[in-house]
Amino acid sequence: MYVELFQNLGLSKNEAELYEALLELGEASVSKLNQKTNINRRNIYDVLNRMTEKGLVFVVIQSGENRYKPVDPHKLKEFILEKQAMLDEQLDELDRLYNAKPKTGEVFIYRGPEGWKNYMRDMLHVGEPAYFIAAKGGWLDPRVKDFFPTFYKEAVEARIPFFHLFDWEVQESCPEILNYVKTNYRLLPKGYSTIGAVDIFGDHVNILSDLHPGGFDEDFSFTVIVNPIIADAFRTWFRYMWDHCPASPNEKISGQP
């Protein structure tokens, strides 16, 4: 039931299965764990040793076969925080290495929900105003919706302004999207909606397809172009479209793109 969760938190598949089994059993011998999980006995010993080193399991020494108990699940949070602390110590140096060579002129593909999260992280990293043509509120897709509040909080703290040109249908089929945005949005004219979209921020242009109001299709992917000249061109086209679309009710005059 929780194996996928544990794997997402950094445990291997076998570690996740054994930890879940121990949570259910309270404590167990290798024989019992073998019956419960069908993991090879020899592999169980190796995995339990690694989990013991990580502090996720401890051994109950007794005559006969030793037994193993799981630590409190709160340890998993400590486990993540320890990893984050390790990364934070080296993050400045990693950033230096990443930014040592210019990325101008790159073209690459992002796929699926994790690709979408990377795209949102790119937006935070660039830290410049973002413009959305044919926006559809893809951040409400159930697969990424839980990630959005963290992204939005960081964007507000970084004072990154957003300007949305939504498809006309958004107000009819998914009006809650407009409640999220509240201001600095306009609607494209009826009859000009597509399943595509273009997002521009800094020197990035993201060309998206297979979108619908409030989400994206199963095999969603999009093309990322990193090129300041192309990005400037798209921003110019965005301003033309913005100027020819009616203002939204709550639009701030100071918030013009």
C-alpha atoms as a PDB file:
ATOM      1  CA  MET A   1       0.000   0.000   0.000  1.00  0.00           C
ATOM      2  CA  TYR A   2       2.824   2.405   0.917  1.00  0.00           C
ATOM      3  CA  VAL A   3       5.670   0.928  -1.114  1.00  0.00           C
ATOM      4  CA  GLU A   4       5.427   3.589  -3.821  1.00  0.00           C
ATOM      5  CA  LEU A   5       5.424   6.359  -1.196  1.00  0.00           C
ATOM      6  CA  PHE A   6       8.552   4.947   0.450  1.00  0.00           C
ATOM      7  CA  GLN A   7      10.260   4.642  -2.923  1.00  0.00           C
ATOM      8  CA  ASN A   8       9.432   8.271  -3.696  1.00  0.00           C
ATOM      9  CA  LEU A   9      11.083   9.163  -0.386  1.00  0.00           C
ATOM     10  CA  GLY A  10      14.319   7.495  -1.492  1.00  0.00           C
ATOM     11  CA  LEU A  11      14.055   3.859  -0.386  1.00  0.00           C
ATOM     12  CA  SER A  12      14.797   1.065  -2.834  1.00  0.00           C
ATOM     13  CA  LYS A  13      11.940  -1.254  -3.779  1.00  0.00           C
ATOM     14  CA  ASN A  14      13.139  -4.002  -1.435  1.00  0.00           C
ATOM     15  CA  GLU A  15      13.710  -1.508   1.400  1.00  0.00           C
ATOM     16  CA  ALA A  16      10.215  -0.124   0.878  1.00  0.00           C
ATOM     17  CA  GLU A  17       8.614  -3.584   0.912  1.00  0.00           C
ATOM     18  CA  LEU A  18      10.482  -4.673   4.033  1.00  0.00           C
ATOM     19  CA  TYR A  19       9.743  -1.448   5.895  1.00  0.00           C
ATOM     20  CA  GLU A  20       6.029  -1.733   5.110  1.00  0.00           C
ATOM     21  CA  ALA A  21       6.053  -5.399   6.171  1.00  0.00           C
ATOM     22  CA  LEU A  22       7.737  -4.517   9.474  1.00  0.00           C
ATOM     23  CA  LEU A  23       5.234  -1.733  10.119  1.00  0.00           C
ATOM     24  CA  GLU A  24       2.416  -4.254   9.636  1.00  0.00           C
ATOM     25  CA  LEU A  25       4.053  -7.039  11.679  1.00  0.00           C
ATOM     26  CA  GLY A  26       5.569  -4.909  14.427  1.00  0.00           C
ATOM     27  CA  GLU A  27       8.670  -7.093  14.449  1.00  0.00           C
ATOM     28  CA  ALA A  28       9.676 -10.130  12.467  1.00  0.00           C
ATOM     29  CA  SER A  29      12.403 -12.621  11.705  1.00  0.00           C
ATOM     30  CA  VAL A  30      14.001 -12.981   8.286  1.00  0.00           C
ATOM     31  CA  SER A  31      11.935 -16.145   7.788  1.00  0.00           C
ATOM     32  CA  LYS A  32       8.716 -14.276   8.487  1.00  0.00           C
ATOM     33  CA  LEU A  33       9.756 -11.421   6.199  1.00  0.00           C
ATOM     34  CA  ASN A  34      10.557 -13.916   3.460  1.00  0.00           C
ATOM     35  CA  GLN A  35       7.033 -15.333   3.741  1.00  0.00           C
ATOM     36  CA  LYS A  36       5.483 -11.868   3.852  1.00  0.00           C
ATOM     37  CA  THR A  37       7.352 -10.310   0.919  1.00  0.00           C
ATOM     38  CA  ASN A  38       8.716 -13.204  -1.164  1.00  0.00           C
ATOM     39  CA  ILE A  39      12.077 -11.426  -1.265  1.00  0.00           C
ATOM     40  CA  ASN A  40      14.989 -13.873  -1.351  1.00  0.00           C
ATOM     41  CA  ARG A  41      16.334 -14.604   2.162  1.00  0.00           C
ATOM     42  CA  ARG A  42      19.888 -13.643   1.256  1.00  0.00           C
ATOM     43  CA  ASN A  43      18.685 -10.370  -0.216  1.00  0.00           C
ATOM     44  CA  ILE A  44      16.655  -9.704   2.919  1.00  0.00           C
ATOM     45  CA  TYR A  45      19.789  -9.941   5.086  1.00  0.00           C
ATOM     46  CA  ASP A  46      21.662  -7.528   2.809  1.00  0.00           C
ATOM     47  CA  VAL A  47      18.763  -5.055   2.656  1.00  0.00           C
ATOM     48  CA  LEU A  48      18.171  -5.173   6.419  1.00  0.00           C
ATOM     49  CA  ASN A  49      21.855  -4.453   7.020  1.00  0.00           C
ATOM     50  CA  ARG A  50      21.617  -1.350   4.815  1.00  0.00           C
ATOM     51  CA  MET A  51      18.409  -0.261   6.531  1.00  0.00           C
ATOM     52  CA  THR A  52      20.044  -0.737   9.926  1.00  0.00           C
ATOM     53  CA  GLU A  53      22.934   1.497   8.842  1.00  0.00           C
ATOM     54  CA  LYS A  54      20.433   4.112   7.701  1.00  0.00           C
ATOM     55  CA  GLY A  55      18.641   3.949  11.042  1.00  0.00           C
ATOM     56  CA  LEU A  56      15.375   2.670   9.591  1.00  0.00           C
ATOM     57  CA  VAL A  57      15.462  -0.734  11.291  1.00  0.00           C
ATOM     58  CA  PHE A  58      16.998  -2.103  14.468  1.00  0.00           C
ATOM     59  CA  VAL A  59      17.814  -5.668  15.523  1.00  0.00           C
ATOM     60  CA  VAL A  60      16.320  -7.457  18.501  1.00  0.00           C
ATOM     61  CA  ILE A  61      19.018  -9.911  19.606  1.00  0.00           C
ATOM     62  CA  GLN A  62      17.675 -13.150  21.030  1.00  0.00           C
ATOM     63  CA  SER A  63      18.389 -16.857  21.089  1.00  0.00           C
ATOM     64  CA  GLY A  64      17.510 -18.523  17.834  1.00  0.00           C
ATOM     65  CA  GLU A  65      16.740 -16.225  14.956  1.00  0.00           C
ATOM     66  CA  ASN A  66      17.135 -12.480  15.486  1.00  0.00           C
ATOM     67  CA  ARG A  67      14.140 -10.302  14.910  1.00  0.00           C
ATOM     68  CA  TYR A  68      13.879  -6.859  13.314  1.00  0.00           C
ATOM     69  CA  LYS A  69      11.742  -3.874  14.202  1.00  0.00           C
ATOM     70  CA  PRO A  70      11.007  -0.696  12.220  1.00  0.00           C
ATOM     71  CA  VAL A  71      11.782   2.716  13.630  1.00  0.00           C
ATOM     72  CA  ASP A  72       9.044   5.317  14.032  1.00  0.00           C
ATOM     73  CA  PRO A  73       7.855   6.553  10.594  1.00  0.00           C
ATOM     74  CA  HIS A  74       8.846  10.085  11.677  1.00  0.00           C
ATOM     75  CA  LYS A  75      12.397   8.897  11.072  1.00  0.00           C
ATOM     76  CA  LEU A  76      11.595   9.035   7.351  1.00  0.00           C
ATOM     77  CA  LYS A  77      11.159  12.790   7.653  1.00  0.00           C
ATOM     78  CA  GLU A  78      14.509  13.053   9.423  1.00  0.00           C
ATOM     79  CA  PHE A  79      15.966  10.893   6.661  1.00  0.00           C
ATOM     80  CA  ILE A  80      14.771  13.402   4.036  1.00  0.00           C
ATOM     81  CA  LEU A  81      15.917  16.433   6.051  1.00  0.00           C
ATOM     82  CA  GLU A  82      19.386  14.907   6.471  1.00  0.00           C
ATOM     83  CA  LYS A  83      19.624  14.430   2.700  1.00  0.00           C
ATOM     84  CA  GLN A  84      18.418  17.984   2.146  1.00  0.00           C
ATOM     85  CA  ALA A  85      21.054  19.303   4.573  1.00  0.00           C
ATOM     86  CA  MET A  86      23.749  17.403   2.685  1.00  0.00           C
ATOM     87  CA  LEU A  87      22.550  18.906  -0.593  1.00  0.00           C
ATOM     88  CA  ASP A  88      22.278  22.420   0.863  1.00  0.00           C
ATOM     89  CA  GLU A  89      25.934  22.270   1.931  1.00  0.00           C
ATOM     90  CA  GLN A  90      27.018  21.656  -1.659  1.00  0.00           C
ATOM     91  CA  LEU A  91      24.297  23.511  -3.547  1.00  0.00           C
ATOM     92  CA  ASP A  92      26.263  26.714  -4.166  1.00  0.00           C
ATOM     93  CA  GLU A  93      29.107  24.740  -5.701  1.00  0.00           C
ATOM     94  CA  LEU A  94      26.693  22.660  -7.784  1.00  0.00           C
ATOM     95  CA  ASP A  95      25.039  25.858  -9.022  1.00  0.00           C
ATOM     96  CA  ARG A  96      28.455  27.212  -9.959  1.00  0.00           C
ATOM     97  CA  LEU A  97      29.199  24.101 -11.986  1.00  0.00           C
ATOM     98  CA  TYR A  98      25.766  24.163 -13.639  1.00  0.00           C
ATOM     99  CA  ASN A  99      26.062  27.823 -14.609  1.00  0.00           C
ATOM    100  CA  ALA A 100      29.736  27.682 -15.610  1.00  0.00           C
ATOM    101  CA  LYS A 101      28.807  27.296 -19.256  1.00  0.00           C
ATOM    102  CA  PRO A 102      25.999  29.305 -20.903  1.00  0.00           C
ATOM    103  CA  LYS A 103      22.865  27.383 -21.845  1.00  0.00           C
ATOM    104  CA  THR A 104      21.839  29.764 -24.652  1.00  0.00           C
ATOM    105  CA  GLY A 105      20.630  27.995 -27.769  1.00  0.00           C
ATOM    106  CA  GLU A 106      19.542  24.774 -26.096  1.00  0.00           C
ATOM    107  CA  VAL A 107      16.487  22.787 -27.130  1.00  0.00           C
ATOM    108  CA  PHE A 108      15.253  19.877 -25.024  1.00  0.00           C
ATOM    109  CA  ILE A 109      12.136  17.928 -24.077  1.00  0.00           C
ATOM    110  CA  TYR A 110      10.341  17.633 -20.744  1.00  0.00           C
ATOM    111  CA  ARG A 111       7.877  14.764 -20.257  1.00  0.00           C
ATOM    112  CA  GLY A 112       5.028  14.050 -17.868  1.00  0.00           C
ATOM    113  CA  PRO A 113       4.344  15.380 -14.360  1.00  0.00           C
ATOM    114  CA  GLU A 114       7.989  15.380 -13.287  1.00  0.00           C
ATOM    115  CA  GLY A 115       8.907  17.311 -16.413  1.00  0.00           C
ATOM    116  CA  TRP A 116       6.205  19.827 -15.544  1.00  0.00           C
ATOM    117  CA  LYS A 117       7.670  20.241 -12.052  1.00  0.00           C
ATOM    118  CA  ASN A 118      11.119  20.804 -13.562  1.00  0.00           C
ATOM    119  CA  TYR A 119       9.631  23.468 -15.820  1.00  0.00           C
ATOM    120  CA  MET A 120       8.108  25.222 -12.799  1.00  0.00           C
ATOM    121  CA  ARG A 121      11.461  25.036 -11.005  1.00  0.00           C
ATOM    122  CA  ASP A 122      13.074  26.582 -14.092  1.00  0.00           C
ATOM    123  CA  MET A 123      10.653  29.486 -13.772  1.00  0.00           C
ATOM    124  CA  LEU A 124      11.711  30.047 -10.157  1.00  0.00           C
ATOM    125  CA  HIS A 125      15.384  29.727 -11.070  1.00  0.00           C
ATOM    126  CA  VAL A 126      15.126  32.295 -13.889  1.00  0.00           C
ATOM    127  CA  GLY A 127      13.119  34.624 -11.640  1.00  0.00           C
ATOM    128  CA  GLU A 128      11.752  36.897 -14.376  1.00  0.00           C
ATOM    129  CA  PRO A 129       8.173  37.794 -15.430  1.00  0.00           C
ATOM    130  CA  ALA A 130       6.301  34.898 -17.015  1.00  0.00           C
ATOM    131  CA  TYR A 131       3.907  35.156 -19.960  1.00  0.00           C
ATOM    132  CA  PHE A 132       1.422  32.438 -20.903  1.00  0.00           C
ATOM    133  CA  ILE A 133      -0.253  32.241 -24.320  1.00  0.00           C
ATOM    134  CA  ALA A 134      -3.342  29.993 -24.516  1.00  0.00           C
ATOM    135  CA  ALA A 135      -3.003  29.209 -20.796  1.00  0.00           C
ATOM    136  CA  LYS A 136      -5.164  26.439 -19.369  1.00  0.00           C
ATOM    137  CA  GLY A 137      -4.188  26.165 -15.691  1.00  0.00           C
ATOM    138  CA  GLY A 138      -2.254  22.911 -16.061  1.00  0.00           C
ATOM    139  CA  TRP A 139      -1.020  23.296 -12.487  1.00  0.00           C
ATOM    140  CA  LEU A 140      -4.452  22.054 -11.334  1.00  0.00           C
ATOM    141  CA  ASP A 141      -3.815  18.626 -12.856  1.00  0.00           C
ATOM    142  CA  PRO A 142      -4.121  16.071  -9.987  1.00  0.00           C
ATOM    143  CA  ARG A 143      -0.616  14.763 -10.709  1.00  0.00           C
ATOM    144  CA  VAL A 144       1.046  18.121  -9.973  1.00  0.00           C
ATOM    145  CA  LYS A 145      -1.584  19.990  -7.944  1.00  0.00           C
ATOM    146  CA  ASP A 146       0.126  19.224  -4.612  1.00  0.00           C
ATOM    147  CA  PHE A 147       3.353  20.733  -5.937  1.00  0.00           C
ATOM    148  CA  PHE A 148       1.726  24.008  -6.959  1.00  0.00           C
ATOM    149  CA  PRO A 149       1.310  25.659  -3.498  1.00  0.00           C
ATOM    150  CA  THR A 150       5.057  25.366  -2.828  1.00  0.00           C
ATOM    151  CA  PHE A 151       5.848  26.746  -6.273  1.00  0.00           C
ATOM    152  CA  TYR A 152       3.380  29.613  -5.898  1.00  0.00           C
ATOM    153  CA  LYS A 153       4.673  30.565  -2.440  1.00  0.00           C
ATOM    154  CA  GLU A 154       8.252  30.744  -3.735  1.00  0.00           C
ATOM    155  CA  ALA A 155       7.135  32.722  -6.792  1.00  0.00           C
ATOM    156  CA  VAL A 156       5.347  35.274  -4.578  1.00  0.00           C
ATOM    157  CA  GLU A 157       8.396  35.559  -2.315  1.00  0.00           C
ATOM    158  CA  ALA A 158      10.566  36.117  -5.396  1.00  0.00           C
ATOM    159  CA  ARG A 159       8.021  38.680  -6.702  1.00  0.00           C
ATOM    160  CA  ILE A 160       7.702  36.985 -10.073  1.00  0.00           C
ATOM    161  CA  PRO A 161       4.713  38.480 -11.952  1.00  0.00           C
ATOM    162  CA  PHE A 162       2.532  36.258 -14.143  1.00  0.00           C
ATOM    163  CA  PHE A 163       0.518  37.370 -17.179  1.00  0.00           C
ATOM    164  CA  HIS A 164      -2.012  34.894 -18.593  1.00  0.00           C
ATOM    165  CA  LEU A 165      -3.834  34.854 -21.911  1.00  0.00           C
ATOM    166  CA  PHE A 166      -6.352  32.083 -21.234  1.00  0.00           C
ATOM    167  CA  ASP A 167      -8.344  30.114 -23.778  1.00  0.00           C
ATOM    168  CA  TRP A 168     -11.935  31.341 -23.887  1.00  0.00           C
ATOM    169  CA  GLU A 169     -13.268  27.964 -22.689  1.00  0.00           C
ATOM    170  CA  VAL A 170     -11.437  28.214 -19.362  1.00  0.00           C
ATOM    171  CA  GLN A 171     -14.053  30.568 -17.916  1.00  0.00           C
ATOM    172  CA  GLU A 172     -16.806  28.103 -18.838  1.00  0.00           C
ATOM    173  CA  SER A 173     -15.324  24.659 -18.192  1.00  0.00           C
ATOM    174  CA  CYS A 174     -12.870  25.395 -15.354  1.00  0.00           C
ATOM    175  CA  PRO A 175     -13.622  28.846 -13.830  1.00  0.00           C
ATOM    176  CA  GLU A 176     -11.744  28.015 -10.605  1.00  0.00           C
ATOM    177  CA  ILE A 177      -8.545  28.619 -12.581  1.00  0.00           C
ATOM    178  CA  LEU A 178      -9.423  32.325 -12.810  1.00  0.00           C
ATOM    179  CA  ASN A 179     -10.047  32.403  -9.059  1.00  0.00           C
ATOM    180  CA  TYR A 180      -6.487  31.204  -8.510  1.00  0.00           C
ATOM    181  CA  VAL A 181      -5.026  33.870 -10.798  1.00  0.00           C
ATOM    182  CA  LYS A 182      -7.390  36.713  -9.739  1.00  0.00           C
ATOM    183  CA  THR A 183      -5.667  39.420 -11.806  1.00  0.00           C
ATOM    184  CA  ASN A 184      -3.296  40.074 -14.722  1.00  0.00           C
ATOM    185  CA  TYR A 185      -5.158  37.763 -17.073  1.00  0.00           C
ATOM    186  CA  ARG A 186      -7.174  38.168 -20.252  1.00  0.00           C
ATOM    187  CA  LEU A 187      -9.156  35.786 -22.434  1.00  0.00           C
ATOM    188  CA  LEU A 188      -8.367  34.973 -26.034  1.00  0.00           C
ATOM    189  CA  PRO A 189     -11.346  35.457 -28.384  1.00  0.00           C
ATOM    190  CA  LYS A 190     -13.813  32.628 -28.775  1.00  0.00           C
ATOM    191  CA  GLY A 191     -12.869  30.351 -31.640  1.00  0.00           C
ATOM    192  CA  TYR A 192      -9.095  30.651 -31.099  1.00  0.00           C
ATOM    193  CA  SER A 193      -8.630  27.868 -28.566  1.00  0.00           C
ATOM    194  CA  THR A 194      -6.198  24.986 -29.171  1.00  0.00           C
ATOM    195  CA  ILE A 195      -4.675  22.043 -27.313  1.00  0.00           C
ATOM    196  CA  GLY A 196      -1.344  23.860 -27.387  1.00  0.00           C
ATOM    197  CA  ALA A 197       0.209  26.709 -25.397  1.00  0.00           C
ATOM    198  CA  VAL A 198       3.370  28.787 -25.251  1.00  0.00           C
ATOM    199  CA  ASP A 199       5.010  30.001 -22.038  1.00  0.00           C
ATOM    200  CA  ILE A 200       7.795  32.578 -21.986  1.00  0.00           C
ATOM    201  CA  PHE A 201      10.069  33.620 -19.109  1.00  0.00           C
ATOM    202  CA  GLY A 202      13.587  35.036 -19.280  1.00  0.00           C
ATOM    203  CA  ASP A 203      15.357  33.344 -22.180  1.00  0.00           C
ATOM    204  CA  HIS A 204      13.011  30.319 -22.049  1.00  0.00           C
ATOM    205  CA  VAL A 205      10.193  29.498 -24.462  1.00  0.00           C
ATOM    206  CA  ASN A 206       8.144  26.406 -23.632  1.00  0.00           C
ATOM    207  CA  ILE A 207       5.949  24.997 -26.398  1.00  0.00           C
ATOM    208  CA  LEU A 208       3.280  22.737 -24.950  1.00  0.00           C
ATOM    209  CA  SER A 209       0.676  20.418 -26.454  1.00  0.00           C
ATOM    210  CA  ASP A 210      -1.988  17.952 -25.309  1.00  0.00           C
ATOM    211  CA  LEU A 211      -3.361  20.423 -22.774  1.00  0.00           C
ATOM    212  CA  HIS A 212      -6.945  20.958 -21.667  1.00  0.00           C
ATOM    213  CA  PRO A 213      -8.421  23.317 -19.054  1.00  0.00           C
ATOM    214  CA  GLY A 214      -7.137  22.223 -15.665  1.00  0.00           C
ATOM    215  CA  GLY A 215      -4.698  19.547 -16.809  1.00  0.00           C
ATOM    216  CA  PHE A 216      -2.825  17.663 -19.478  1.00  0.00           C
ATOM    217  CA  ASP A 217      -3.028  14.294 -21.217  1.00  0.00           C
ATOM    218  CA  GLU A 218      -1.411  11.057 -20.041  1.00  0.00           C
ATOM    219  CA  ASP A 219       1.582  11.188 -22.402  1.00  0.00           C
ATOM    220  CA  PHE A 220       2.163  14.901 -21.996  1.00  0.00           C
ATOM    221  CA  SER A 221       5.471  16.400 -23.175  1.00  0.00           C
ATOM    222  CA  PHE A 222       6.717  19.791 -24.280  1.00  0.00           C
ATOM    223  CA  THR A 223       9.654  21.418 -26.001  1.00  0.00           C
ATOM    224  CA  VAL A 224      11.881  23.915 -24.205  1.00  0.00           C
ATOM    225  CA  ILE A 225      13.872  26.454 -26.217  1.00  0.00           C
ATOM    226  CA  VAL A 226      16.525  28.477 -24.401  1.00  0.00           C
ATOM    227  CA  ASN A 227      17.277  31.436 -26.643  1.00  0.00           C
ATOM    228  CA  PRO A 228      16.966  35.119 -25.660  1.00  0.00           C
ATOM    229  CA  ILE A 229      16.237  36.340 -29.204  1.00  0.00           C
ATOM    230  CA  ILE A 230      13.373  33.878 -29.682  1.00  0.00           C
ATOM    231  CA  ALA A 231      12.066  34.648 -26.182  1.00  0.00           C
ATOM    232  CA  ASP A 232      12.042  38.393 -26.922  1.00  0.00           C
ATOM    233  CA  ALA A 233      10.146  37.751 -30.151  1.00  0.00           C
ATOM    234  CA  PHE A 234       7.463  35.744 -28.351  1.00  0.00           C
ATOM    235  CA  ARG A 235       7.162  38.462 -25.691  1.00  0.00           C
ATOM    236  CA  THR A 236       6.510  41.013 -28.438  1.00  0.00           C
ATOM    237  CA  TRP A 237       3.806  38.801 -29.945  1.00  0.00           C
ATOM    238  CA  PHE A 238       2.351  38.289 -26.473  1.00  0.00           C
ATOM    239  CA  ARG A 239       2.069  42.064 -25.951  1.00  0.00           C
ATOM    240  CA  TYR A 240       0.273  42.438 -29.278  1.00  0.00           C
ATOM    241  CA  MET A 241      -2.280  39.765 -28.307  1.00  0.00           C
ATOM    242  CA  TRP A 242      -2.617  41.218 -24.804  1.00  0.00           C
ATOM    243  CA  ASP A 243      -3.333  44.686 -26.189  1.00  0.00           C
ATOM    244  CA  HIS A 244      -6.086  43.279 -28.424  1.00  0.00           C
ATOM    245  CA  CYS A 245      -7.903  41.275 -25.739  1.00  0.00           C
ATOM    246  CA  PRO A 246     -10.381  42.857 -23.274  1.00  0.00           C
ATOM    247  CA  ALA A 247      -9.037  43.533 -19.781  1.00  0.00           C
ATOM    248  CA  SER A 248     -10.120  41.249 -16.938  1.00  0.00           C
ATOM    249  CA  PRO A 249     -12.359  42.760 -14.201  1.00  0.00           C
ATOM    250  CA  ASN A 250      -9.622  42.861 -11.537  1.00  0.00           C
ATOM    251  CA  GLU A 251      -6.726  43.833 -13.752  1.00  0.00           C
ATOM    252  CA  LYS A 252      -4.129  46.107 -12.172  1.00  0.00           C
ATOM    253  CA  ILE A 253      -3.021  48.991 -14.342  1.00  0.00           C
ATOM    254  CA  SER A 254       0.453  48.752 -12.782  1.00  0.00           C
ATOM    255  CA  GLY A 255       0.598  45.115 -13.797  1.00  0.00           C
ATOM    256  CA  GLN A 256       0.762  45.625 -17.558  1.00  0.00           C
ATOM    257  CA  PRO A 257       3.287  43.373 -19.320  1.00  0.00           C
END
